[in-house]
């Protein structure tokens, strides 16, 4: 899924000169596969409200403008939403670290789990702006991915999206 995200959904949106994106993606996958790497998943998810706009949402906007596929990007957004819900798949609390934590917590606490949670989080304009929450294709894809994460878990959902 990571390879598909990088090369099929992110690469077309980038304007970089002199970089072999396939080689770069291969090196990143090799690095992420290294068991000695000390980065933890929660470290990557930290400050997601600051990372999502530039690392994923700008690419989503590009795909919407070009009428192209962005299922893995939608899954990434849904994964962030699942994380900021503050509970893992076993029901254990997750510590969330984000500069917009009070706003995120309010959105989570004021919504039921499921579609309402997605809508509540999408309403955070500082992250999603005015355009994405009003885009029915974007909201449908993120909601579909989020509901799959809830119903089937992260591992099964990523596997499903890897073959989409």
N, C-alpha and C. Protein backbone atom coordinates (compact mmCIF):
# COMPACT_ATOMS: atom_id res chain seq x y z
N UNK A 1 0.83 -1.19 0.00
CA UNK A 1 0.00 0.00 0.00
C UNK A 1 0.87 1.26 0.00
N UNK A 2 1.96 1.23 0.79
CA UNK A 2 2.83 2.41 0.87
C UNK A 2 3.45 2.72 -0.49
N UNK A 3 3.87 1.67 -1.18
CA UNK A 3 4.47 1.84 -2.50
C UNK A 3 3.45 2.43 -3.48
N UNK A 4 2.24 1.89 -3.46
CA UNK A 4 1.17 2.41 -4.32
C UNK A 4 0.85 3.85 -4.00
N UNK A 5 0.81 4.17 -2.72
CA UNK A 5 0.54 5.55 -2.32
C UNK A 5 1.61 6.48 -2.87
N UNK A 6 2.86 6.09 -2.69
CA UNK A 6 3.96 6.96 -3.14
C UNK A 6 3.98 7.14 -4.65
N UNK A 7 3.89 6.04 -5.39
CA UNK A 7 4.09 6.11 -6.84
C UNK A 7 2.82 6.37 -7.64
N UNK A 8 1.70 5.84 -7.20
CA UNK A 8 0.48 6.00 -7.98
C UNK A 8 -0.33 7.23 -7.59
N UNK A 9 -0.29 7.59 -6.31
CA UNK A 9 -1.14 8.69 -5.87
C UNK A 9 -0.38 9.96 -5.52
N UNK A 10 0.83 9.84 -4.99
CA UNK A 10 1.60 11.03 -4.64
C UNK A 10 2.47 11.53 -5.80
N UNK A 11 3.20 10.63 -6.44
CA UNK A 11 4.15 11.04 -7.48
C UNK A 11 3.54 11.92 -8.57
N UNK A 12 2.34 11.59 -9.08
CA UNK A 12 1.80 12.44 -10.15
C UNK A 12 1.53 13.88 -9.70
N UNK A 13 1.43 14.11 -8.41
CA UNK A 13 1.11 15.44 -7.90
C UNK A 13 2.36 16.29 -7.63
N UNK A 14 3.53 15.66 -7.75
CA UNK A 14 4.79 16.33 -7.40
C UNK A 14 5.47 16.92 -8.62
N UNK A 15 6.11 18.04 -8.41
CA UNK A 15 6.91 18.67 -9.46
C UNK A 15 8.35 18.74 -8.95
N UNK A 16 9.10 17.66 -9.18
CA UNK A 16 10.49 17.62 -8.72
C UNK A 16 11.40 17.32 -9.91
N UNK A 17 12.47 18.07 -10.00
CA UNK A 17 13.43 17.91 -11.09
C UNK A 17 14.58 17.03 -10.63
N UNK A 18 15.01 16.13 -11.47
CA UNK A 18 16.21 15.35 -11.22
C UNK A 18 16.10 14.31 -10.12
N UNK A 19 14.90 13.91 -9.76
CA UNK A 19 14.72 12.89 -8.72
C UNK A 19 14.04 11.69 -9.34
N UNK A 20 14.64 10.53 -9.17
CA UNK A 20 14.03 9.28 -9.62
C UNK A 20 13.07 8.84 -8.51
N UNK A 21 11.78 9.13 -8.70
CA UNK A 21 10.81 8.87 -7.65
C UNK A 21 10.66 7.38 -7.35
N UNK A 22 10.83 6.54 -8.35
CA UNK A 22 10.74 5.10 -8.10
C UNK A 22 11.89 4.64 -7.22
N UNK A 23 13.09 5.11 -7.50
CA UNK A 23 14.24 4.77 -6.66
C UNK A 23 14.06 5.31 -5.25
N UNK A 24 13.58 6.52 -5.16
CA UNK A 24 13.34 7.14 -3.85
C UNK A 24 12.31 6.33 -3.05
N UNK A 25 11.23 5.93 -3.71
CA UNK A 25 10.21 5.10 -3.05
C UNK A 25 10.80 3.78 -2.59
N UNK A 26 11.61 3.16 -3.43
CA UNK A 26 12.26 1.90 -3.05
C UNK A 26 13.13 2.07 -1.80
N UNK A 27 13.87 3.17 -1.75
CA UNK A 27 14.74 3.41 -0.59
C UNK A 27 13.92 3.67 0.68
N UNK A 28 12.81 4.36 0.53
CA UNK A 28 11.95 4.59 1.70
C UNK A 28 11.35 3.28 2.21
N UNK A 29 10.87 2.44 1.31
CA UNK A 29 10.31 1.15 1.71
C UNK A 29 11.37 0.31 2.41
N UNK A 30 12.58 0.33 1.87
CA UNK A 30 13.68 -0.41 2.50
C UNK A 30 13.95 0.13 3.91
N UNK A 31 13.94 1.43 4.04
CA UNK A 31 14.17 2.05 5.35
C UNK A 31 13.06 1.69 6.32
N UNK A 32 11.80 1.79 5.89
CA UNK A 32 10.67 1.47 6.77
C UNK A 32 10.67 0.00 7.16
N UNK A 33 11.25 -0.86 6.34
CA UNK A 33 11.29 -2.30 6.61
C UNK A 33 12.40 -2.68 7.57
N UNK A 34 13.25 -1.75 7.90
CA UNK A 34 14.40 -2.01 8.78
C UNK A 34 13.93 -2.14 10.23
N UNK A 35 14.06 -3.33 10.83
CA UNK A 35 13.61 -3.52 12.21
C UNK A 35 14.43 -2.72 13.23
N UNK A 36 15.60 -2.26 12.84
CA UNK A 36 16.42 -1.47 13.75
C UNK A 36 15.98 0.00 13.81
N UNK A 37 15.13 0.39 12.87
CA UNK A 37 14.64 1.77 12.86
C UNK A 37 13.85 2.02 14.14
N UNK A 38 14.17 3.07 14.82
CA UNK A 38 13.57 3.33 16.13
C UNK A 38 12.32 4.21 16.07
N UNK A 39 11.90 4.63 14.89
CA UNK A 39 10.68 5.43 14.79
C UNK A 39 9.48 4.57 15.15
N UNK A 40 8.61 5.09 15.94
CA UNK A 40 7.39 4.39 16.31
C UNK A 40 6.22 5.00 15.54
N UNK A 41 5.19 4.21 15.34
CA UNK A 41 4.03 4.68 14.58
C UNK A 41 3.46 5.95 15.18
N UNK A 42 3.38 6.02 16.49
CA UNK A 42 2.79 7.20 17.12
C UNK A 42 3.63 8.44 16.85
N UNK A 43 4.95 8.28 16.68
CA UNK A 43 5.79 9.43 16.37
C UNK A 43 5.46 9.98 14.99
N UNK A 44 5.17 9.08 14.07
CA UNK A 44 4.81 9.49 12.72
C UNK A 44 3.46 10.20 12.72
N UNK A 45 2.55 9.72 13.57
CA UNK A 45 1.20 10.29 13.63
C UNK A 45 1.13 11.60 14.39
N UNK A 46 2.15 11.91 15.19
CA UNK A 46 2.15 13.14 15.98
C UNK A 46 1.98 14.36 15.08
N UNK A 47 1.27 15.34 15.60
CA UNK A 47 1.08 16.62 14.90
C UNK A 47 0.44 16.45 13.53
N UNK A 48 -0.43 15.46 13.41
CA UNK A 48 -1.07 15.16 12.13
C UNK A 48 -1.83 16.32 11.54
N UNK A 49 -2.41 17.17 12.39
CA UNK A 49 -3.16 18.31 11.86
C UNK A 49 -2.26 19.25 11.07
N UNK A 50 -0.96 19.24 11.38
CA UNK A 50 -0.01 20.08 10.67
C UNK A 50 0.55 19.38 9.43
N UNK A 51 0.55 18.05 9.45
CA UNK A 51 1.13 17.27 8.36
C UNK A 51 0.12 16.96 7.25
N UNK A 52 -1.12 16.69 7.63
CA UNK A 52 -2.12 16.28 6.64
C UNK A 52 -2.27 17.26 5.48
N UNK A 53 -2.43 18.57 5.73
CA UNK A 53 -2.65 19.48 4.60
C UNK A 53 -1.57 19.41 3.54
N UNK A 54 -0.30 19.46 3.94
CA UNK A 54 0.77 19.50 2.95
C UNK A 54 1.13 18.12 2.42
N UNK A 55 1.00 17.09 3.23
CA UNK A 55 1.45 15.76 2.81
C UNK A 55 0.38 14.92 2.15
N UNK A 56 -0.88 15.23 2.39
CA UNK A 56 -1.94 14.40 1.80
C UNK A 56 -3.04 15.23 1.13
N UNK A 57 -3.51 16.25 1.81
CA UNK A 57 -4.69 16.95 1.31
C UNK A 57 -4.43 17.74 0.04
N UNK A 58 -3.24 18.30 -0.11
CA UNK A 58 -2.92 18.98 -1.37
C UNK A 58 -2.93 17.97 -2.52
N UNK A 59 -2.46 16.77 -2.26
CA UNK A 59 -2.49 15.72 -3.29
C UNK A 59 -3.92 15.30 -3.59
N UNK A 60 -4.75 15.21 -2.57
CA UNK A 60 -6.17 14.89 -2.79
C UNK A 60 -6.79 15.95 -3.69
N UNK A 61 -6.52 17.21 -3.41
CA UNK A 61 -7.08 18.29 -4.24
C UNK A 61 -6.62 18.15 -5.70
N UNK A 62 -5.37 17.77 -5.89
CA UNK A 62 -4.86 17.56 -7.25
C UNK A 62 -5.65 16.46 -7.94
N UNK A 63 -5.85 15.34 -7.25
CA UNK A 63 -6.60 14.22 -7.83
C UNK A 63 -8.05 14.60 -8.12
N UNK A 64 -8.66 15.36 -7.25
CA UNK A 64 -10.04 15.80 -7.50
C UNK A 64 -10.09 16.67 -8.75
N UNK A 65 -9.11 17.54 -8.92
CA UNK A 65 -9.07 18.42 -10.09
C UNK A 65 -8.79 17.64 -11.37
N UNK A 66 -8.09 16.51 -11.26
CA UNK A 66 -7.73 15.71 -12.43
C UNK A 66 -8.58 14.45 -12.59
N UNK A 67 -9.61 14.35 -11.77
CA UNK A 67 -10.54 13.21 -11.83
C UNK A 67 -9.80 11.87 -11.82
N UNK A 68 -8.88 11.74 -10.86
CA UNK A 68 -8.10 10.51 -10.77
C UNK A 68 -8.24 9.89 -9.38
N UNK A 69 -7.75 8.68 -9.27
CA UNK A 69 -7.94 7.85 -8.09
C UNK A 69 -7.08 8.32 -6.90
N UNK A 70 -7.69 8.34 -5.71
CA UNK A 70 -6.96 8.71 -4.50
C UNK A 70 -7.40 7.88 -3.29
N UNK A 71 -7.70 6.62 -3.52
CA UNK A 71 -8.19 5.75 -2.44
C UNK A 71 -7.20 5.62 -1.29
N UNK A 72 -5.92 5.50 -1.59
CA UNK A 72 -4.92 5.33 -0.52
C UNK A 72 -4.73 6.63 0.27
N UNK A 73 -4.84 7.76 -0.40
CA UNK A 73 -4.80 9.03 0.32
C UNK A 73 -6.00 9.14 1.26
N UNK A 74 -7.17 8.73 0.77
CA UNK A 74 -8.37 8.74 1.62
C UNK A 74 -8.19 7.81 2.81
N UNK A 75 -7.57 6.67 2.59
CA UNK A 75 -7.28 5.75 3.69
C UNK A 75 -6.32 6.39 4.69
N UNK A 76 -5.34 7.13 4.21
CA UNK A 76 -4.43 7.83 5.12
C UNK A 76 -5.16 8.83 5.99
N UNK A 77 -6.08 9.58 5.40
CA UNK A 77 -6.88 10.55 6.16
C UNK A 77 -7.74 9.81 7.18
N UNK A 78 -8.37 8.72 6.75
CA UNK A 78 -9.20 7.93 7.66
C UNK A 78 -8.37 7.33 8.79
N UNK A 79 -7.16 6.91 8.48
CA UNK A 79 -6.27 6.38 9.52
C UNK A 79 -5.94 7.43 10.57
N UNK A 80 -5.70 8.66 10.11
CA UNK A 80 -5.46 9.75 11.06
C UNK A 80 -6.70 9.96 11.93
N UNK A 81 -7.87 9.93 11.31
CA UNK A 81 -9.11 10.11 12.07
C UNK A 81 -9.28 9.01 13.11
N UNK A 82 -8.94 7.81 12.73
CA UNK A 82 -9.03 6.67 13.66
C UNK A 82 -8.07 6.88 14.83
N UNK A 83 -6.88 7.34 14.54
CA UNK A 83 -5.87 7.62 15.57
C UNK A 83 -6.35 8.69 16.55
N UNK A 84 -6.86 9.81 16.03
CA UNK A 84 -7.25 10.90 16.93
C UNK A 84 -8.51 10.58 17.72
N UNK A 85 -9.16 9.47 17.39
CA UNK A 85 -10.27 9.01 18.22
C UNK A 85 -9.81 8.64 19.61
N UNK A 86 -8.51 8.39 19.76
CA UNK A 86 -7.92 8.19 21.07
C UNK A 86 -8.02 6.79 21.65
N UNK A 87 -8.46 5.82 20.83
CA UNK A 87 -8.60 4.44 21.30
C UNK A 87 -8.09 3.50 20.22
N UNK A 88 -7.27 2.52 20.61
CA UNK A 88 -6.76 1.58 19.62
C UNK A 88 -7.77 0.46 19.34
N UNK A 89 -7.41 -0.48 18.49
CA UNK A 89 -8.33 -1.54 18.09
C UNK A 89 -8.69 -2.48 19.23
N UNK A 90 -7.90 -2.48 20.29
CA UNK A 90 -8.19 -3.32 21.45
C UNK A 90 -8.96 -2.55 22.53
N UNK A 91 -9.27 -1.29 22.25
CA UNK A 91 -10.00 -0.47 23.21
C UNK A 91 -9.13 0.24 24.22
N UNK A 92 -7.83 0.20 24.02
CA UNK A 92 -6.89 0.88 24.92
C UNK A 92 -6.73 2.34 24.53
N UNK A 93 -6.58 3.23 25.51
CA UNK A 93 -6.41 4.64 25.17
C UNK A 93 -5.10 4.90 24.44
N UNK A 94 -5.14 5.84 23.53
CA UNK A 94 -3.96 6.29 22.78
C UNK A 94 -3.70 7.74 23.19
N UNK A 95 -2.47 8.05 23.50
CA UNK A 95 -2.11 9.43 23.80
C UNK A 95 -1.94 10.18 22.49
N UNK A 96 -2.68 11.25 22.33
CA UNK A 96 -2.63 12.05 21.10
C UNK A 96 -1.77 13.28 21.36
N UNK A 97 -0.86 13.55 20.44
CA UNK A 97 -0.02 14.74 20.52
C UNK A 97 -0.26 15.56 19.26
N UNK A 98 -0.88 16.72 19.44
CA UNK A 98 -1.21 17.56 18.29
C UNK A 98 -1.46 18.98 18.78
N UNK A 99 -0.97 19.99 18.06
CA UNK A 99 -1.22 21.37 18.48
C UNK A 99 -2.70 21.75 18.44
N UNK A 100 -3.50 21.05 17.66
CA UNK A 100 -4.94 21.32 17.60
C UNK A 100 -5.74 20.35 18.48
N UNK A 101 -5.07 19.73 19.45
CA UNK A 101 -5.72 18.71 20.26
C UNK A 101 -7.06 19.15 20.86
N UNK A 102 -7.18 20.35 21.45
CA UNK A 102 -8.48 20.73 22.02
C UNK A 102 -9.60 20.75 20.96
N UNK A 103 -9.30 21.22 19.78
CA UNK A 103 -10.29 21.26 18.70
C UNK A 103 -10.64 19.84 18.24
N UNK A 104 -9.62 19.01 18.10
CA UNK A 104 -9.82 17.63 17.68
C UNK A 104 -10.63 16.87 18.72
N UNK A 105 -10.28 17.03 20.00
CA UNK A 105 -11.01 16.35 21.07
C UNK A 105 -12.47 16.77 21.10
N UNK A 106 -12.73 18.05 20.88
CA UNK A 106 -14.12 18.53 20.85
C UNK A 106 -14.88 17.86 19.72
N UNK A 107 -14.25 17.76 18.55
CA UNK A 107 -14.90 17.11 17.40
C UNK A 107 -15.18 15.64 17.69
N UNK A 108 -14.23 14.97 18.32
CA UNK A 108 -14.40 13.54 18.64
C UNK A 108 -15.48 13.36 19.70
N UNK A 109 -15.42 14.15 20.76
CA UNK A 109 -16.36 13.99 21.87
C UNK A 109 -17.78 14.40 21.52
N UNK A 110 -17.93 15.25 20.52
CA UNK A 110 -19.28 15.71 20.15
C UNK A 110 -19.91 14.87 19.05
N UNK A 111 -19.28 13.75 18.70
CA UNK A 111 -19.80 12.93 17.60
C UNK A 111 -19.82 11.46 17.97
N UNK A 112 -20.78 10.76 17.40
CA UNK A 112 -20.83 9.31 17.57
C UNK A 112 -19.78 8.67 16.67
N UNK A 113 -19.34 7.47 17.04
CA UNK A 113 -18.37 6.74 16.21
C UNK A 113 -19.01 6.41 14.87
N UNK A 114 -18.23 6.47 13.81
CA UNK A 114 -18.74 6.15 12.48
C UNK A 114 -18.80 7.37 11.58
N UNK A 115 -19.81 7.41 10.73
CA UNK A 115 -19.94 8.49 9.75
C UNK A 115 -19.98 9.87 10.41
N UNK A 116 -20.67 9.96 11.54
CA UNK A 116 -20.76 11.25 12.24
C UNK A 116 -19.38 11.72 12.70
N UNK A 117 -18.51 10.80 13.08
CA UNK A 117 -17.16 11.15 13.51
C UNK A 117 -16.38 11.74 12.33
N UNK A 118 -16.50 11.12 11.18
CA UNK A 118 -15.83 11.63 9.98
C UNK A 118 -16.31 13.04 9.68
N UNK A 119 -17.61 13.25 9.68
CA UNK A 119 -18.17 14.57 9.38
C UNK A 119 -17.70 15.62 10.39
N UNK A 120 -17.65 15.23 11.65
CA UNK A 120 -17.22 16.16 12.70
C UNK A 120 -15.76 16.57 12.52
N UNK A 121 -14.91 15.60 12.22
CA UNK A 121 -13.49 15.91 12.02
C UNK A 121 -13.27 16.69 10.73
N UNK A 122 -14.02 16.37 9.68
CA UNK A 122 -13.89 17.12 8.43
C UNK A 122 -14.29 18.58 8.59
N UNK A 123 -15.07 18.89 9.60
CA UNK A 123 -15.51 20.26 9.83
C UNK A 123 -14.42 21.15 10.43
N UNK A 124 -13.26 20.57 10.74
CA UNK A 124 -12.15 21.38 11.27
C UNK A 124 -11.49 22.11 10.09
N UNK A 125 -11.87 23.35 9.91
CA UNK A 125 -11.43 24.13 8.76
C UNK A 125 -9.92 24.35 8.73
N UNK A 126 -9.29 24.43 9.90
CA UNK A 126 -7.84 24.63 9.96
C UNK A 126 -7.09 23.48 9.31
N UNK A 127 -7.72 22.33 9.20
CA UNK A 127 -7.10 21.17 8.56
C UNK A 127 -7.63 20.98 7.15
N UNK A 128 -8.95 20.92 7.02
CA UNK A 128 -9.57 20.50 5.75
C UNK A 128 -10.06 21.65 4.88
N UNK A 129 -9.99 22.87 5.39
CA UNK A 129 -10.44 24.02 4.62
C UNK A 129 -11.94 24.00 4.42
N UNK A 130 -12.39 24.80 3.46
CA UNK A 130 -13.82 24.87 3.14
C UNK A 130 -14.20 23.92 2.02
N UNK A 131 -13.24 23.58 1.18
CA UNK A 131 -13.55 22.83 -0.03
C UNK A 131 -13.74 21.33 0.19
N UNK A 132 -12.84 20.69 0.91
CA UNK A 132 -12.89 19.23 1.03
C UNK A 132 -14.13 18.71 1.76
N UNK A 133 -14.56 19.35 2.86
CA UNK A 133 -15.78 18.85 3.51
C UNK A 133 -17.02 18.93 2.62
N UNK A 134 -16.99 19.83 1.64
CA UNK A 134 -18.12 19.99 0.72
C UNK A 134 -18.01 19.11 -0.52
N UNK A 135 -16.91 18.39 -0.66
CA UNK A 135 -16.73 17.54 -1.83
C UNK A 135 -17.26 16.14 -1.53
N UNK A 136 -18.34 15.77 -2.20
CA UNK A 136 -19.01 14.50 -1.88
C UNK A 136 -18.14 13.28 -2.19
N UNK A 137 -17.31 13.34 -3.22
CA UNK A 137 -16.43 12.21 -3.53
C UNK A 137 -15.39 12.03 -2.43
N UNK A 138 -14.78 13.12 -2.01
CA UNK A 138 -13.79 13.05 -0.93
C UNK A 138 -14.41 12.51 0.36
N UNK A 139 -15.53 13.09 0.76
CA UNK A 139 -16.15 12.64 2.02
C UNK A 139 -16.59 11.19 1.93
N UNK A 140 -17.07 10.76 0.77
CA UNK A 140 -17.49 9.36 0.61
C UNK A 140 -16.30 8.41 0.73
N UNK A 141 -15.19 8.74 0.09
CA UNK A 141 -14.01 7.87 0.13
C UNK A 141 -13.40 7.80 1.53
N UNK A 142 -13.33 8.93 2.21
CA UNK A 142 -12.79 8.93 3.57
C UNK A 142 -13.72 8.16 4.51
N UNK A 143 -15.02 8.37 4.36
CA UNK A 143 -15.99 7.66 5.20
C UNK A 143 -15.91 6.16 4.96
N UNK A 144 -15.84 5.74 3.71
CA UNK A 144 -15.72 4.32 3.38
C UNK A 144 -14.48 3.71 4.04
N UNK A 145 -13.36 4.39 3.93
CA UNK A 145 -12.12 3.89 4.52
C UNK A 145 -12.22 3.85 6.04
N UNK A 146 -12.79 4.88 6.63
CA UNK A 146 -12.92 4.94 8.09
C UNK A 146 -13.80 3.81 8.60
N UNK A 147 -14.93 3.59 7.94
CA UNK A 147 -15.83 2.52 8.37
C UNK A 147 -15.17 1.15 8.21
N UNK A 148 -14.35 0.99 7.20
CA UNK A 148 -13.61 -0.26 7.02
C UNK A 148 -12.60 -0.45 8.14
N UNK A 149 -11.92 0.61 8.53
CA UNK A 149 -10.98 0.52 9.65
C UNK A 149 -11.69 0.09 10.93
N UNK A 150 -12.88 0.64 11.15
CA UNK A 150 -13.65 0.27 12.34
C UNK A 150 -14.10 -1.18 12.29
N UNK A 151 -14.60 -1.60 11.14
CA UNK A 151 -15.20 -2.93 11.02
C UNK A 151 -14.17 -4.04 10.90
N UNK A 152 -13.07 -3.77 10.20
CA UNK A 152 -12.13 -4.84 9.85
C UNK A 152 -10.74 -4.66 10.45
N UNK A 153 -10.45 -3.49 11.00
CA UNK A 153 -9.13 -3.22 11.54
C UNK A 153 -8.17 -2.70 10.48
N UNK A 154 -7.05 -2.19 10.95
CA UNK A 154 -6.08 -1.56 10.06
C UNK A 154 -5.43 -2.56 9.11
N UNK A 155 -5.00 -3.70 9.63
CA UNK A 155 -4.27 -4.66 8.80
C UNK A 155 -5.13 -5.15 7.63
N UNK A 156 -6.35 -5.54 7.90
CA UNK A 156 -7.24 -6.05 6.84
C UNK A 156 -7.63 -4.94 5.87
N UNK A 157 -7.84 -3.74 6.38
CA UNK A 157 -8.23 -2.63 5.51
C UNK A 157 -7.09 -2.24 4.58
N UNK A 158 -5.88 -2.16 5.11
CA UNK A 158 -4.73 -1.84 4.26
C UNK A 158 -4.54 -2.92 3.20
N UNK A 159 -4.71 -4.18 3.58
CA UNK A 159 -4.59 -5.28 2.61
C UNK A 159 -5.64 -5.13 1.51
N UNK A 160 -6.86 -4.78 1.88
CA UNK A 160 -7.93 -4.59 0.89
C UNK A 160 -7.59 -3.44 -0.06
N UNK A 161 -7.10 -2.35 0.49
CA UNK A 161 -6.78 -1.18 -0.33
C UNK A 161 -5.54 -1.40 -1.19
N UNK A 162 -4.71 -2.33 -0.80
CA UNK A 162 -3.50 -2.62 -1.58
C UNK A 162 -3.83 -3.27 -2.92
N UNK A 163 -4.97 -3.91 -3.01
CA UNK A 163 -5.35 -4.58 -4.26
C UNK A 163 -6.46 -3.86 -5.00
N UNK A 164 -6.90 -2.70 -4.50
CA UNK A 164 -7.98 -1.93 -5.15
C UNK A 164 -7.55 -1.43 -6.51
